[in-house]
Amino acid sequence: MNIASFLEDVQFNSNKPALTLLLDTDFSKEIRIVFKKGQTMEDHQAPFAIIVHIVEGIIDFGVNKEVKRLTAGHILSLKPHEVHNLTAIENSIVRLTLSKTDSVKRVKEVL
């Protein structure tokens, strides 16, 4: 059994969102992305389906030329290759679930 916390040891970067791989399981990678107010992830896409969960804060989430305001507790799924972007309206913690075959390095390059 592995245990991790999305709310412990949270550290913000001043110039870009901070990424931490919290769990690497047999079927997924669980990543914490910490945004300071105003930080963004520009348009990008994933080669596999992903799940995005707003743990804390407010995120404007853009997909298909539409922006949805997501608050703590919202969760969404995206199909492979859906172009999307994120903007932190306030300090936020986001859980990103990747396929086991996806790469954390790929996400870091988006930041």
Protein backbone atom coordinates (compact mmCIF):
# COMPACT_ATOMS: atom_id res chain seq x y z
CA MET A 1 0.00 0.00 0.00
CA ASN A 2 1.19 3.50 -0.86
CA ILE A 3 -0.19 6.62 0.79
CA ALA A 4 0.19 10.22 -0.39
CA SER A 5 -1.49 13.53 0.38
CA PHE A 6 -2.53 16.24 -2.04
CA LEU A 7 -2.68 18.75 0.83
CA GLU A 8 0.58 18.13 2.73
CA ASP A 9 3.90 19.78 1.87
CA VAL A 10 2.35 22.01 -0.79
CA GLN A 11 4.93 24.34 -2.34
CA PHE A 12 4.21 27.02 -4.93
CA ASN A 13 6.66 28.07 -7.66
CA SER A 14 6.78 31.77 -8.39
CA ASN A 15 7.14 31.51 -12.18
CA LYS A 16 5.21 28.37 -13.20
CA PRO A 17 2.94 25.68 -11.72
CA ALA A 18 4.66 23.11 -9.49
CA LEU A 19 4.29 19.43 -10.40
CA THR A 20 4.76 16.47 -8.04
CA LEU A 21 4.27 12.79 -8.87
CA LEU A 22 2.54 11.48 -5.74
CA LEU A 23 1.73 7.90 -6.76
CA ASP A 24 2.89 5.65 -9.58
CA THR A 25 0.54 2.66 -9.44
CA ASP A 26 0.04 -0.44 -11.54
CA PHE A 27 -2.62 1.36 -13.61
CA SER A 28 -2.15 5.14 -13.24
CA LYS A 29 0.09 8.05 -12.29
CA GLU A 30 -1.38 10.50 -9.76
CA ILE A 31 0.10 13.97 -10.07
CA ARG A 32 -0.37 17.13 -7.99
CA ILE A 33 -0.11 20.42 -9.88
CA VAL A 34 0.00 23.52 -7.66
CA PHE A 35 -0.93 26.84 -9.27
CA LYS A 36 -0.41 30.30 -7.87
CA LYS A 37 -3.15 32.76 -8.77
CA GLY A 38 -2.72 33.78 -12.42
CA GLN A 39 -0.48 30.87 -13.48
CA THR A 40 -1.48 28.96 -16.60
CA MET A 41 -0.92 25.85 -18.63
CA GLU A 42 -1.28 26.91 -22.27
CA ASP A 43 -3.07 24.82 -24.92
CA HIS A 44 -1.83 21.24 -24.88
CA GLN A 45 -3.13 17.71 -25.30
CA ALA A 46 -2.51 14.25 -23.92
CA PRO A 47 -1.98 11.11 -26.01
CA PHE A 48 -4.22 9.13 -23.63
CA ALA A 49 -7.41 9.89 -21.69
CA ILE A 50 -6.90 11.91 -18.49
CA ILE A 51 -8.86 12.86 -15.38
CA VAL A 52 -8.56 16.31 -13.81
CA HIS A 53 -9.82 16.94 -10.26
CA ILE A 54 -9.83 20.36 -8.60
CA VAL A 55 -8.76 19.63 -5.02
CA GLU A 56 -8.60 23.24 -3.88
CA GLY A 57 -9.09 26.66 -5.47
CA ILE A 58 -10.67 27.86 -8.71
CA ILE A 59 -9.51 27.01 -12.24
CA ASP A 60 -10.76 28.28 -15.59
CA PHE A 61 -10.57 25.18 -17.77
CA GLY A 62 -10.67 25.71 -21.52
CA VAL A 63 -11.56 22.96 -23.97
CA ASN A 64 -13.08 23.09 -27.47
CA LYS A 65 -13.05 26.91 -27.40
CA GLU A 66 -15.24 26.89 -24.29
CA VAL A 67 -14.12 27.88 -20.77
CA LYS A 68 -15.66 26.33 -17.66
CA ARG A 69 -15.01 27.70 -14.18
CA LEU A 70 -14.18 24.75 -11.93
CA THR A 71 -14.06 24.91 -8.14
CA ALA A 72 -12.90 22.54 -5.40
CA GLY A 73 -14.54 19.17 -5.84
CA HIS A 74 -15.11 19.33 -9.61
CA ILE A 75 -13.72 16.43 -11.62
CA LEU A 76 -13.64 15.93 -15.39
CA SER A 77 -12.37 13.49 -17.96
CA LEU A 78 -10.90 14.20 -21.37
CA LYS A 79 -10.49 11.91 -24.33
CA PRO A 80 -7.07 11.51 -25.95
CA HIS A 81 -5.85 14.49 -27.99
CA GLU A 82 -8.45 17.00 -26.70
CA VAL A 83 -6.72 20.38 -26.66
CA HIS A 84 -7.18 22.12 -23.31
CA ASN A 85 -5.71 24.84 -21.07
CA LEU A 86 -5.88 25.90 -17.43
CA THR A 87 -5.74 29.27 -15.68
CA ALA A 88 -5.68 29.62 -11.90
CA ILE A 89 -8.19 32.22 -10.71
CA GLU A 90 -6.86 31.77 -7.19
CA ASN A 91 -4.17 29.58 -5.62
CA SER A 92 -5.19 26.04 -6.57
CA ILE A 93 -4.29 22.39 -6.22
CA VAL A 94 -5.15 20.10 -9.14
CA ARG A 95 -5.03 16.31 -9.26
CA LEU A 96 -4.11 14.92 -12.67
CA THR A 97 -4.58 11.21 -13.32
CA LEU A 98 -2.56 9.86 -16.22
CA SER A 99 -2.60 6.49 -17.88
CA LYS A 100 0.23 4.26 -16.70
CA THR A 101 1.65 4.45 -20.23
CA ASP A 102 1.69 8.27 -20.27
CA SER A 103 4.76 10.28 -19.25
CA VAL A 104 5.22 12.71 -16.37
CA LYS A 105 8.04 14.25 -18.41
CA ARG A 106 5.50 15.18 -21.10
CA VAL A 107 3.42 17.09 -18.53
CA LYS A 108 6.50 18.86 -17.14
CA GLU A 109 7.31 20.08 -20.67
CA VAL A 110 3.86 21.71 -20.87
CA LEU A 111 4.59 23.73 -17.73
